PDB file of N, CA and C in Angstrom:
ATOM      1  N   MET A   1       8.323  -1.308 -19.717  1.00  0.00           N
ATOM      2  CA  MET A   1       8.385  -1.080 -18.319  1.00  0.00           C
ATOM      3  C   MET A   1       7.872   0.407 -17.969  1.00  0.00           C
ATOM      4  N   GLU A   2       7.006   0.424 -17.060  1.00  0.00           N
ATOM      5  CA  GLU A   2       6.415   1.751 -16.693  1.00  0.00           C
ATOM      6  C   GLU A   2       7.167   2.324 -15.487  1.00  0.00           C
ATOM      7  N   LEU A   3       7.530   3.528 -15.575  1.00  0.00           N
ATOM      8  CA  LEU A   3       8.335   4.134 -14.404  1.00  0.00           C
ATOM      9  C   LEU A   3       7.498   4.155 -13.231  1.00  0.00           C
ATOM     10  N   THR A   4       6.130   4.370 -13.333  1.00  0.00           N
ATOM     11  CA  THR A   4       5.296   4.425 -12.178  1.00  0.00           C
ATOM     12  C   THR A   4       5.208   3.074 -11.482  1.00  0.00           C
ATOM     13  N   GLU A   5       5.158   1.967 -12.198  1.00  0.00           N
ATOM     14  CA  GLU A   5       5.138   0.614 -11.610  1.00  0.00           C
ATOM     15  C   GLU A   5       6.455   0.282 -10.923  1.00  0.00           C
ATOM     16  N   LEU A   6       7.547   0.689 -11.552  1.00  0.00           N
ATOM     17  CA  LEU A   6       8.911   0.530 -11.012  1.00  0.00           C
ATOM     18  C   LEU A   6       8.989   1.256  -9.636  1.00  0.00           C
ATOM     19  N   GLY A   7       8.569   2.588  -9.748  1.00  0.00           N
ATOM     20  CA  GLY A   7       8.576   3.409  -8.476  1.00  0.00           C
ATOM     21  C   GLY A   7       7.701   2.824  -7.327  1.00  0.00           C
ATOM     22  N   ALA A   8       6.570   2.336  -7.741  1.00  0.00           N
ATOM     23  CA  ALA A   8       5.596   1.784  -6.802  1.00  0.00           C
ATOM     24  C   ALA A   8       6.247   0.496  -6.053  1.00  0.00           C
ATOM     25  N   ARG A   9       6.876  -0.321  -6.899  1.00  0.00           N
ATOM     26  CA  ARG A   9       7.566  -1.520  -6.290  1.00  0.00           C
ATOM     27  C   ARG A   9       8.667  -1.120  -5.378  1.00  0.00           C
ATOM     28  N   ILE A  10       9.446  -0.160  -5.736  1.00  0.00           N
ATOM     29  CA  ILE A  10      10.568   0.346  -4.898  1.00  0.00           C
ATOM     30  C   ILE A  10       9.947   0.866  -3.565  1.00  0.00           C
ATOM     31  N   LYS A  11       8.880   1.683  -3.687  1.00  0.00           N
ATOM     32  CA  LYS A  11       8.313   2.237  -2.508  1.00  0.00           C
ATOM     33  C   LYS A  11       7.715   1.095  -1.581  1.00  0.00           C
ATOM     34  N   GLN A  12       7.023   0.143  -2.183  1.00  0.00           N
ATOM     35  CA  GLN A  12       6.562  -0.961  -1.395  1.00  0.00           C
ATOM     36  C   GLN A  12       7.605  -1.702  -0.668  1.00  0.00           C
ATOM     37  N   CYS A  13       8.728  -2.020  -1.426  1.00  0.00           N
ATOM     38  CA  CYS A  13       9.810  -2.763  -0.791  1.00  0.00           C
ATOM     39  C   CYS A  13      10.464  -1.941   0.445  1.00  0.00           C
ATOM     40  N   ARG A  14      10.627  -0.639   0.120  1.00  0.00           N
ATOM     41  CA  ARG A  14      11.199   0.248   1.075  1.00  0.00           C
ATOM     42  C   ARG A  14      10.413   0.236   2.319  1.00  0.00           C
ATOM     43  N   LYS A  15       9.004   0.432   2.185  1.00  0.00           N
ATOM     44  CA  LYS A  15       8.114   0.495   3.332  1.00  0.00           C
ATOM     45  C   LYS A  15       8.121  -0.817   4.039  1.00  0.00           C
ATOM     46  N   GLU A  16       8.102  -1.964   3.353  1.00  0.00           N
ATOM     47  CA  GLU A  16       8.118  -3.313   4.045  1.00  0.00           C
ATOM     48  C   GLU A  16       9.324  -3.514   4.930  1.00  0.00           C
ATOM     49  N   GLN A  17      10.408  -2.748   4.530  1.00  0.00           N
ATOM     50  CA  GLN A  17      11.634  -2.817   5.368  1.00  0.00           C
ATOM     51  C   GLN A  17      11.801  -1.639   6.361  1.00  0.00           C
ATOM     52  N   HIS A  18      10.732  -0.922   6.481  1.00  0.00           N
ATOM     53  CA  HIS A  18      10.627   0.167   7.457  1.00  0.00           C
ATOM     54  C   HIS A  18      11.694   1.175   7.164  1.00  0.00           C
ATOM     55  N   LEU A  19      12.029   1.471   5.921  1.00  0.00           N
ATOM     56  CA  LEU A  19      13.105   2.423   5.528  1.00  0.00           C
ATOM     57  C   LEU A  19      12.373   3.703   5.100  1.00  0.00           C
ATOM     58  N   THR A  20      12.829   4.828   5.495  1.00  0.00           N
ATOM     59  CA  THR A  20      12.342   6.138   5.062  1.00  0.00           C
ATOM     60  C   THR A  20      12.984   6.372   3.664  1.00  0.00           C
ATOM     61  N   GLN A  21      12.555   7.376   2.990  1.00  0.00           N
ATOM     62  CA  GLN A  21      13.186   7.737   1.710  1.00  0.00           C
ATOM     63  C   GLN A  21      14.528   8.327   2.046  1.00  0.00           C
ATOM     64  N   GLU A  22      14.674   8.974   3.149  1.00  0.00           N
ATOM     65  CA  GLU A  22      15.935   9.527   3.545  1.00  0.00           C
ATOM     66  C   GLU A  22      16.978   8.381   3.761  1.00  0.00           C
ATOM     67  N   LYS A  23      16.645   7.392   4.494  1.00  0.00           N
ATOM     68  CA  LYS A  23      17.490   6.246   4.840  1.00  0.00           C
ATOM     69  C   LYS A  23      17.930   5.572   3.521  1.00  0.00           C
ATOM     70  N   LEU A  24      17.007   5.255   2.572  1.00  0.00           N
ATOM     71  CA  LEU A  24      17.324   4.718   1.342  1.00  0.00           C
ATOM     72  C   LEU A  24      18.251   5.491   0.611  1.00  0.00           C
ATOM     73  N   ALA A  25      17.977   6.821   0.452  1.00  0.00           N
ATOM     74  CA  ALA A  25      18.867   7.792  -0.186  1.00  0.00           C
ATOM     75  C   ALA A  25      20.255   7.724   0.386  1.00  0.00           C
ATOM     76  N   GLU A  26      20.387   7.679   1.674  1.00  0.00           N
ATOM     77  CA  GLU A  26      21.670   7.604   2.376  1.00  0.00           C
ATOM     78  C   GLU A  26      22.433   6.297   2.019  1.00  0.00           C
ATOM     79  N   LEU A  27      21.669   5.176   1.943  1.00  0.00           N
ATOM     80  CA  LEU A  27      22.281   3.890   1.581  1.00  0.00           C
ATOM     81  C   LEU A  27      22.844   3.823   0.225  1.00  0.00           C
ATOM     82  N   ILE A  28      22.168   4.637  -0.768  1.00  0.00           N
ATOM     83  CA  ILE A  28      22.725   4.494  -2.147  1.00  0.00           C
ATOM     84  C   ILE A  28      23.385   5.708  -2.545  1.00  0.00           C
ATOM     85  N   ASN A  29      23.516   6.647  -1.574  1.00  0.00           N
ATOM     86  CA  ASN A  29      24.251   7.960  -1.859  1.00  0.00           C
ATOM     87  C   ASN A  29      23.608   8.795  -3.007  1.00  0.00           C
ATOM     88  N   VAL A  30      22.287   9.058  -2.773  1.00  0.00           N
ATOM     89  CA  VAL A  30      21.541   9.976  -3.631  1.00  0.00           C
ATOM     90  C   VAL A  30      20.709  10.901  -2.731  1.00  0.00           C
ATOM     91  N   SER A  31      19.990  11.877  -3.218  1.00  0.00           N
ATOM     92  CA  SER A  31      19.237  12.733  -2.427  1.00  0.00           C
ATOM     93  C   SER A  31      17.905  12.141  -2.149  1.00  0.00           C
ATOM     94  N   PRO A  32      17.265  12.487  -1.007  1.00  0.00           N
ATOM     95  CA  PRO A  32      15.914  11.953  -0.736  1.00  0.00           C
ATOM     96  C   PRO A  32      14.914  12.431  -1.803  1.00  0.00           C
ATOM     97  N   HIS A  33      15.134  13.581  -2.306  1.00  0.00           N
ATOM     98  CA  HIS A  33      14.176  14.071  -3.399  1.00  0.00           C
ATOM     99  C   HIS A  33      14.195  13.190  -4.594  1.00  0.00           C
ATOM    100  N   TYR A  34      15.404  12.694  -4.868  1.00  0.00           N
ATOM    101  CA  TYR A  34      15.558  11.849  -6.077  1.00  0.00           C
ATOM    102  C   TYR A  34      14.803  10.508  -5.890  1.00  0.00           C
ATOM    103  N   ILE A  35      14.941  10.040  -4.610  1.00  0.00           N
ATOM    104  CA  ILE A  35      14.059   8.776  -4.281  1.00  0.00           C
ATOM    105  C   ILE A  35      12.636   9.114  -4.361  1.00  0.00           C
ATOM    106  N   TYR A  36      12.169  10.228  -3.901  1.00  0.00           N
ATOM    107  CA  TYR A  36      10.777  10.673  -4.125  1.00  0.00           C
ATOM    108  C   TYR A  36      10.344  10.740  -5.578  1.00  0.00           C
ATOM    109  N   GLU A  37      11.219  11.270  -6.424  1.00  0.00           N
ATOM    110  CA  GLU A  37      10.902  11.344  -7.861  1.00  0.00           C
ATOM    111  C   GLU A  37      10.876   9.919  -8.526  1.00  0.00           C
ATOM    112  N   ILE A  38      11.778   9.064  -8.130  1.00  0.00           N
ATOM    113  CA  ILE A  38      11.745   7.684  -8.611  1.00  0.00           C
ATOM    114  C   ILE A  38      10.483   6.993  -8.248  1.00  0.00           C
ATOM    115  N   GLU A  39      10.141   7.055  -6.952  1.00  0.00           N
ATOM    116  CA  GLU A  39       8.990   6.420  -6.499  1.00  0.00           C
ATOM    117  C   GLU A  39       7.691   6.874  -7.115  1.00  0.00           C
ATOM    118  N   ARG A  40       7.671   8.060  -7.536  1.00  0.00           N
ATOM    119  CA  ARG A  40       6.461   8.698  -8.134  1.00  0.00           C
ATOM    120  C   ARG A  40       6.440   8.461  -9.706  1.00  0.00           C
ATOM    121  N   GLY A  41       7.585   7.856 -10.239  1.00  0.00           N
ATOM    122  CA  GLY A  41       7.600   7.689 -11.617  1.00  0.00           C
ATOM    123  C   GLY A  41       7.972   8.912 -12.434  1.00  0.00           C
ATOM    124  N   MET A  42       8.519   9.899 -11.743  1.00  0.00           N
ATOM    125  CA  MET A  42       8.772  11.150 -12.453  1.00  0.00           C
ATOM    126  C   MET A  42      10.216  11.094 -13.028  1.00  0.00           C
ATOM    127  N   LYS A  43      11.062  10.310 -12.561  1.00  0.00           N
ATOM    128  CA  LYS A  43      12.429  10.206 -13.031  1.00  0.00           C
ATOM    129  C   LYS A  43      12.824   8.795 -13.341  1.00  0.00           C
ATOM    130  N   SER A  44      13.653   8.552 -14.329  1.00  0.00           N
ATOM    131  CA  SER A  44      14.297   7.252 -14.561  1.00  0.00           C
ATOM    132  C   SER A  44      15.558   7.250 -13.804  1.00  0.00           C
ATOM    133  N   MET A  45      16.242   6.064 -13.771  1.00  0.00           N
ATOM    134  CA  MET A  45      17.508   5.979 -13.117  1.00  0.00           C
ATOM    135  C   MET A  45      18.463   5.293 -13.935  1.00  0.00           C
ATOM    136  N   SER A  46      19.670   5.421 -13.717  1.00  0.00           N
ATOM    137  CA  SER A  46      20.790   4.646 -14.437  1.00  0.00           C
ATOM    138  C   SER A  46      20.716   3.241 -13.938  1.00  0.00           C
ATOM    139  N   LEU A  47      21.394   2.447 -14.723  1.00  0.00           N
ATOM    140  CA  LEU A  47      21.528   1.025 -14.345  1.00  0.00           C
ATOM    141  C   LEU A  47      22.325   0.878 -13.037  1.00  0.00           C
ATOM    142  N   SER A  48      23.280   1.625 -12.809  1.00  0.00           N
ATOM    143  CA  SER A  48      24.081   1.547 -11.601  1.00  0.00           C
ATOM    144  C   SER A  48      23.191   1.972 -10.353  1.00  0.00           C
ATOM    145  N   THR A  49      22.368   2.888 -10.464  1.00  0.00           N
ATOM    146  CA  THR A  49      21.433   3.312  -9.455  1.00  0.00           C
ATOM    147  C   THR A  49      20.398   2.147  -9.161  1.00  0.00           C
ATOM    148  N   LEU A  50      19.878   1.580 -10.229  1.00  0.00           N
ATOM    149  CA  LEU A  50      19.020   0.432 -10.098  1.00  0.00           C
ATOM    150  C   LEU A  50      19.620  -0.702  -9.323  1.00  0.00           C
ATOM    151  N   VAL A  51      20.881  -1.005  -9.619  1.00  0.00           N
ATOM    152  CA  VAL A  51      21.618  -2.024  -8.916  1.00  0.00           C
ATOM    153  C   VAL A  51      21.724  -1.680  -7.490  1.00  0.00           C
ATOM    154  N   ASP A  52      22.060  -0.455  -7.242  1.00  0.00           N
ATOM    155  CA  ASP A  52      22.271   0.054  -5.776  1.00  0.00           C
ATOM    156  C   ASP A  52      20.943  -0.092  -5.022  1.00  0.00           C
ATOM    157  N   VAL A  53      19.830   0.378  -5.661  1.00  0.00           N
ATOM    158  CA  VAL A  53      18.507   0.232  -5.003  1.00  0.00           C
ATOM    159  C   VAL A  53      18.219  -1.246  -4.758  1.00  0.00           C
ATOM    160  N   SER A  54      18.519  -2.130  -5.725  1.00  0.00           N
ATOM    161  CA  SER A  54      18.187  -3.553  -5.584  1.00  0.00           C
ATOM    162  C   SER A  54      19.030  -4.183  -4.454  1.00  0.00           C
ATOM    163  N   LEU A  55      20.286  -3.828  -4.345  1.00  0.00           N
ATOM    164  CA  LEU A  55      21.081  -4.321  -3.271  1.00  0.00           C
ATOM    165  C   LEU A  55      20.620  -3.761  -1.933  1.00  0.00           C
ATOM    166  N   ALA A  56      20.330  -2.465  -1.877  1.00  0.00           N
ATOM    167  CA  ALA A  56      20.049  -1.897  -0.611  1.00  0.00           C
ATOM    168  C   ALA A  56      18.675  -2.463  -0.044  1.00  0.00           C
ATOM    169  N   LEU A  57      17.799  -2.800  -1.028  1.00  0.00           N
ATOM    170  CA  LEU A  57      16.531  -3.292  -0.534  1.00  0.00           C
ATOM    171  C   LEU A  57      16.497  -4.831  -0.511  1.00  0.00           C
ATOM    172  N   SER A  58      17.668  -5.481  -0.914  1.00  0.00           N
ATOM    173  CA  SER A  58      17.723  -6.891  -0.958  1.00  0.00           C
ATOM    174  C   SER A  58      16.577  -7.592  -1.734  1.00  0.00           C
ATOM    175  N   ILE A  59      16.391  -6.985  -3.015  1.00  0.00           N
ATOM    176  CA  ILE A  59      15.354  -7.441  -3.799  1.00  0.00           C
ATOM    177  C   ILE A  59      16.041  -7.576  -5.250  1.00  0.00           C
ATOM    178  N   SER A  60      15.439  -8.516  -5.985  1.00  0.00           N
ATOM    179  CA  SER A  60      16.081  -8.678  -7.366  1.00  0.00           C
ATOM    180  C   SER A  60      15.716  -7.515  -8.330  1.00  0.00           C
ATOM    181  N   ALA A  61      16.575  -7.246  -9.200  1.00  0.00           N
ATOM    182  CA  ALA A  61      16.233  -6.216 -10.217  1.00  0.00           C
ATOM    183  C   ALA A  61      15.123  -6.665 -11.015  1.00  0.00           C
ATOM    184  N   ASP A  62      14.996  -7.968 -11.267  1.00  0.00           N
ATOM    185  CA  ASP A  62      13.891  -8.527 -12.047  1.00  0.00           C
ATOM    186  C   ASP A  62      12.531  -8.131 -11.452  1.00  0.00           C
ATOM    187  N   TYR A  63      12.502  -8.327 -10.104  1.00  0.00           N
ATOM    188  CA  TYR A  63      11.211  -8.022  -9.432  1.00  0.00           C
ATOM    189  C   TYR A  63      11.000  -6.446  -9.496  1.00  0.00           C
ATOM    190  N   LEU A  64      12.052  -5.598  -9.302  1.00  0.00           N
ATOM    191  CA  LEU A  64      11.811  -4.265  -9.437  1.00  0.00           C
ATOM    192  C   LEU A  64      11.318  -3.790 -10.774  1.00  0.00           C
ATOM    193  N   LEU A  65      11.960  -4.362 -11.752  1.00  0.00           N
ATOM    194  CA  LEU A  65      11.648  -3.935 -13.216  1.00  0.00           C
ATOM    195  C   LEU A  65      10.391  -4.557 -13.682  1.00  0.00           C
ATOM    196  N   PHE A  66      10.094  -5.864 -13.378  1.00  0.00           N
ATOM    197  CA  PHE A  66       9.012  -6.583 -14.040  1.00  0.00           C
ATOM    198  C   PHE A  66       7.961  -7.111 -13.079  1.00  0.00           C
ATOM    199  N   GLY A  67       8.239  -7.058 -11.751  1.00  0.00           N
ATOM    200  CA  GLY A  67       7.299  -7.628 -10.750  1.00  0.00           C
ATOM    201  C   GLY A  67       7.455  -9.160 -10.626  1.00  0.00           C
ATOM    202  N   LYS A  68       8.577  -9.717 -11.249  1.00  0.00           N
ATOM    203  CA  LYS A  68       8.817 -11.128 -11.132  1.00  0.00           C
ATOM    204  C   LYS A  68       9.920 -11.333 -10.054  1.00  0.00           C
ATOM    205  N   CYS A  69       9.757 -12.296  -9.198  1.00  0.00           N
ATOM    206  CA  CYS A  69      10.801 -12.663  -8.234  1.00  0.00           C
ATOM    207  C   CYS A  69      11.890 -13.599  -8.799  1.00  0.00           C
ATOM    208  N   ASP A  70      13.138 -13.340  -8.410  1.00  0.00           N
ATOM    209  CA  ASP A  70      14.176 -14.221  -8.781  1.00  0.00           C
ATOM    210  C   ASP A  70      14.400 -15.130  -7.555  1.00  0.00           C
ATOM    211  N   ASP A  71      14.603 -16.437  -7.807  1.00  0.00           N
ATOM    212  CA  ASP A  71      14.781 -17.338  -6.610  1.00  0.00           C
ATOM    213  C   ASP A  71      15.997 -17.005  -5.883  1.00  0.00           C
ATOM    214  N   ALA A  72      17.027 -16.387  -6.473  1.00  0.00           N
ATOM    215  CA  ALA A  72      18.277 -16.093  -5.728  1.00  0.00           C
ATOM    216  C   ALA A  72      18.076 -15.099  -4.729  1.00  0.00           C
ATOM    217  N   ILE A  73      17.165 -14.087  -4.927  1.00  0.00           N
ATOM    218  CA  ILE A  73      17.005 -13.083  -3.981  1.00  0.00           C
ATOM    219  C   ILE A  73      15.464 -13.048  -3.597  1.00  0.00           C
ATOM    220  N   SER A  74      15.147 -13.326  -2.315  1.00  0.00           N
ATOM    221  CA  SER A  74      13.781 -13.416  -1.916  1.00  0.00           C
ATOM    222  C   SER A  74      13.116 -11.976  -1.904  1.00  0.00           C
ATOM    223  N   ALA A  75      11.871 -11.983  -2.138  1.00  0.00           N
ATOM    224  CA  ALA A  75      11.040 -10.715  -2.115  1.00  0.00           C
ATOM    225  C   ALA A  75      10.804 -10.289  -0.663  1.00  0.00           C
ATOM    226  N   GLN A  76      11.110 -11.180   0.270  1.00  0.00           N
ATOM    227  CA  GLN A  76      10.868 -10.834   1.700  1.00  0.00           C
ATOM    228  C   GLN A  76      12.295 -10.664   2.369  1.00  0.00           C
ATOM    229  N   PRO A  77      12.478  -9.519   2.993  1.00  0.00           N
ATOM    230  CA  PRO A  77      13.893  -9.333   3.656  1.00  0.00           C
ATOM    231  C   PRO A  77      14.020 -10.254   4.780  1.00  0.00           C
ATOM    232  N   ASP A  78      15.291 -10.680   4.976  1.00  0.00           N
ATOM    233  CA  ASP A  78      15.608 -11.540   6.131  1.00  0.00           C
ATOM    234  C   ASP A  78      16.283 -10.627   7.184  1.00  0.00           C
ATOM    235  N   ASN A  79      16.559 -11.122   8.391  1.00  0.00           N
ATOM    236  CA  ASN A  79      17.110 -10.375   9.445  1.00  0.00           C
ATOM    237  C   ASN A  79      18.503  -9.812   9.114  1.00  0.00           C
ATOM    238  N   LEU A  80      19.254 -10.527   8.370  1.00  0.00           N
ATOM    239  CA  LEU A  80      20.592 -10.145   8.062  1.00  0.00           C
ATOM    240  C   LEU A  80      20.528  -8.850   7.149  1.00  0.00           C
ATOM    241  N   ASN A  81      19.647  -8.881   6.142  1.00  0.00           N
ATOM    242  CA  ASN A  81      19.515  -7.765   5.264  1.00  0.00           C
ATOM    243  C   ASN A  81      18.974  -6.570   6.035  1.00  0.00           C
ATOM    244  N   LEU A  82      18.045  -6.773   6.926  1.00  0.00           N
ATOM    245  CA  LEU A  82      17.454  -5.636   7.730  1.00  0.00           C
ATOM    246  C   LEU A  82      18.673  -4.991   8.560  1.00  0.00           C
ATOM    247  N   LEU A  83      19.477  -5.827   9.200  1.00  0.00           N
ATOM    248  CA  LEU A  83      20.588  -5.232   9.911  1.00  0.00           C
ATOM    249  C   LEU A  83      21.562  -4.528   9.017  1.00  0.00           C
ATOM    250  N   LEU A  84      21.850  -5.028   7.812  1.00  0.00           N
ATOM    251  CA  LEU A  84      22.746  -4.346   6.990  1.00  0.00           C
ATOM    252  C   LEU A  84      22.235  -3.038   6.427  1.00  0.00           C
ATOM    253  N   ASN A  85      20.990  -3.013   6.392  1.00  0.00           N
ATOM    254  CA  ASN A  85      20.317  -1.722   5.901  1.00  0.00           C
ATOM    255  C   ASN A  85      20.690  -0.498   6.914  1.00  0.00           C
ATOM    256  N   ASN A  86      21.018  -0.829   8.046  1.00  0.00           N
ATOM    257  CA  ASN A  86      21.472   0.198   9.042  1.00  0.00           C
ATOM    258  C   ASN A  86      22.933   0.508   9.070  1.00  0.00           C
ATOM    259  N   ILE A  87      23.697  -0.195   8.223  1.00  0.00           N
ATOM    260  CA  ILE A  87      25.129   0.018   8.183  1.00  0.00           C
ATOM    261  C   ILE A  87      25.469   0.845   6.905  1.00  0.00           C
ATOM    262  N   PRO A  88      26.234   1.892   7.102  1.00  0.00           N
ATOM    263  CA  PRO A  88      26.665   2.691   5.862  1.00  0.00           C
ATOM    264  C   PRO A  88      27.218   1.729   4.848  1.00  0.00           C
ATOM    265  N   TRP A  89      26.977   2.147   3.532  1.00  0.00           N
ATOM    266  CA  TRP A  89      27.361   1.338   2.394  1.00  0.00           C
ATOM    267  C   TRP A  89      28.829   1.101   2.465  1.00  0.00           C
ATOM    268  N   LYS A  90      29.639   2.072   2.736  1.00  0.00           N
ATOM    269  CA  LYS A  90      31.123   1.906   2.613  1.00  0.00           C
ATOM    270  C   LYS A  90      31.706   0.927   3.687  1.00  0.00           C
ATOM    271  N   LYS A  91      30.942   0.820   4.838  1.00  0.00           N
ATOM    272  CA  LYS A  91      31.411  -0.071   5.935  1.00  0.00           C
ATOM    273  C   LYS A  91      30.994  -1.483   5.825  1.00  0.00           C
ATOM    274  N   ARG A  92      30.213  -1.750   4.830  1.00  0.00           N
ATOM    275  CA  ARG A  92      29.736  -3.102   4.560  1.00  0.00           C
ATOM    276  C   ARG A  92      30.893  -4.083   4.163  1.00  0.00           C
ATOM    277  N   LYS A  93      31.886  -3.434   3.579  1.00  0.00           N
ATOM    278  CA  LYS A  93      33.077  -4.301   3.113  1.00  0.00           C
ATOM    279  C   LYS A  93      33.664  -4.954   4.332  1.00  0.00           C
ATOM    280  N   SER A  94      33.873  -4.338   5.442  1.00  0.00           N
ATOM    281  CA  SER A  94      34.332  -4.922   6.687  1.00  0.00           C
ATOM    282  C   SER A  94      33.423  -6.057   7.175  1.00  0.00           C
ATOM    283  N   ILE A  95      32.131  -5.864   7.105  1.00  0.00           N
ATOM    284  CA  ILE A  95      31.178  -6.837   7.479  1.00  0.00           C
ATOM    285  C   ILE A  95      31.327  -8.084   6.583  1.00  0.00           C
ATOM    286  N   ALA A  96      31.444  -7.876   5.330  1.00  0.00           N
ATOM    287  CA  ALA A  96      31.648  -8.968   4.360  1.00  0.00           C
ATOM    288  C   ALA A  96      32.934  -9.798   4.702  1.00  0.00           C
ATOM    289  N   GLU A  97      33.989  -9.037   4.982  1.00  0.00           N
ATOM    290  CA  GLU A  97      35.260  -9.720   5.377  1.00  0.00           C
ATOM    291  C   GLU A  97      35.148 -10.716   6.613  1.00  0.00           C
ATOM    292  N   VAL A  98      34.371 -10.184   7.531  1.00  0.00           N
ATOM    293  CA  VAL A  98      34.124 -10.923   8.822  1.00  0.00           C
ATOM    294  C   VAL A  98      33.303 -12.134   8.480  1.00  0.00           C
ATOM    295  N   LEU A  99      32.268 -11.997   7.724  1.00  0.00           N
ATOM    296  CA  LEU A  99      31.438 -13.081   7.293  1.00  0.00           C
ATOM    297  C   LEU A  99      32.197 -14.193   6.470  1.00  0.00           C
ATOM    298  N   GLU A 100      33.141 -13.787   5.565  1.00  0.00           N
ATOM    299  CA  GLU A 100      33.933 -14.727   4.842  1.00  0.00           C
ATOM    300  C   GLU A 100      34.788 -15.530   5.855  1.00  0.00           C
ATOM    301  N   LEU A 101      35.315 -14.932   6.843  1.00  0.00           N
ATOM    302  CA  LEU A 101      36.058 -15.691   7.839  1.00  0.00           C
ATOM    303  C   LEU A 101      35.222 -16.690   8.681  1.00  0.00           C
ATOM    304  N   LEU A 102      33.947 -16.288   8.846  1.00  0.00           N
ATOM    305  CA  LEU A 102      33.068 -17.165   9.669  1.00  0.00           C
ATOM    306  C   LEU A 102      32.413 -18.350   8.814  1.00  0.00           C
ATOM    307  N   LEU A 103      32.273 -18.195   7.502  1.00  0.00           N
ATOM    308  CA  LEU A 103      31.528 -19.139   6.650  1.00  0.00           C
ATOM    309  C   LEU A 103      32.116 -20.627   6.865  1.00  0.00           C
ATOM    310  N   PRO A 104      33.376 -20.823   6.934  1.00  0.00           N
ATOM    311  CA  PRO A 104      33.825 -22.192   7.081  1.00  0.00           C
ATOM    312  C   PRO A 104      33.357 -22.829   8.324  1.00  0.00           C
ATOM    313  N   TYR A 105      33.090 -22.117   9.411  1.00  0.00           N
ATOM    314  CA  TYR A 105      32.658 -22.587  10.612  1.00  0.00           C
ATOM    315  C   TYR A 105      31.202 -22.871  10.737  1.00  0.00           C
ATOM    316  N   LEU A 106      30.424 -22.340   9.786  1.00  0.00           N
ATOM    317  CA  LEU A 106      29.019 -22.389   9.760  1.00  0.00           C
ATOM    318  C   LEU A 106      28.537 -23.617   8.896  1.00  0.00           C
ATOM    319  N   LYS A 107      29.523 -24.176   8.143  1.00  0.00           N
ATOM    320  CA  LYS A 107      29.106 -25.366   7.253  1.00  0.00           C
ATOM    321  C   LYS A 107      29.017 -26.558   7.976  1.00  0.00           C
TER     322      LYS A 107
END
């Protein structure tokens, strides 16, 4: 795995979702400069940061690491994921609880 390729995929996904480096950094609780360094392939990241990036961008870790899409998580963001990107990470738990209550009515 090349760090430059990983960084390029993160940057591409971030831009497709119209997120700035600052917004992505806020979503995963890191500095914007760290996002800059990751996208340039200058820094590696921990597994937990990779997971956070993957969740924040609604993209599979397989795609970020290897360029392969996982069927479970689409490479294209949907409207719900785009909306969630504007909600602070810690407040998403409340949204998840509301969705859990609504799910039986959507089936």
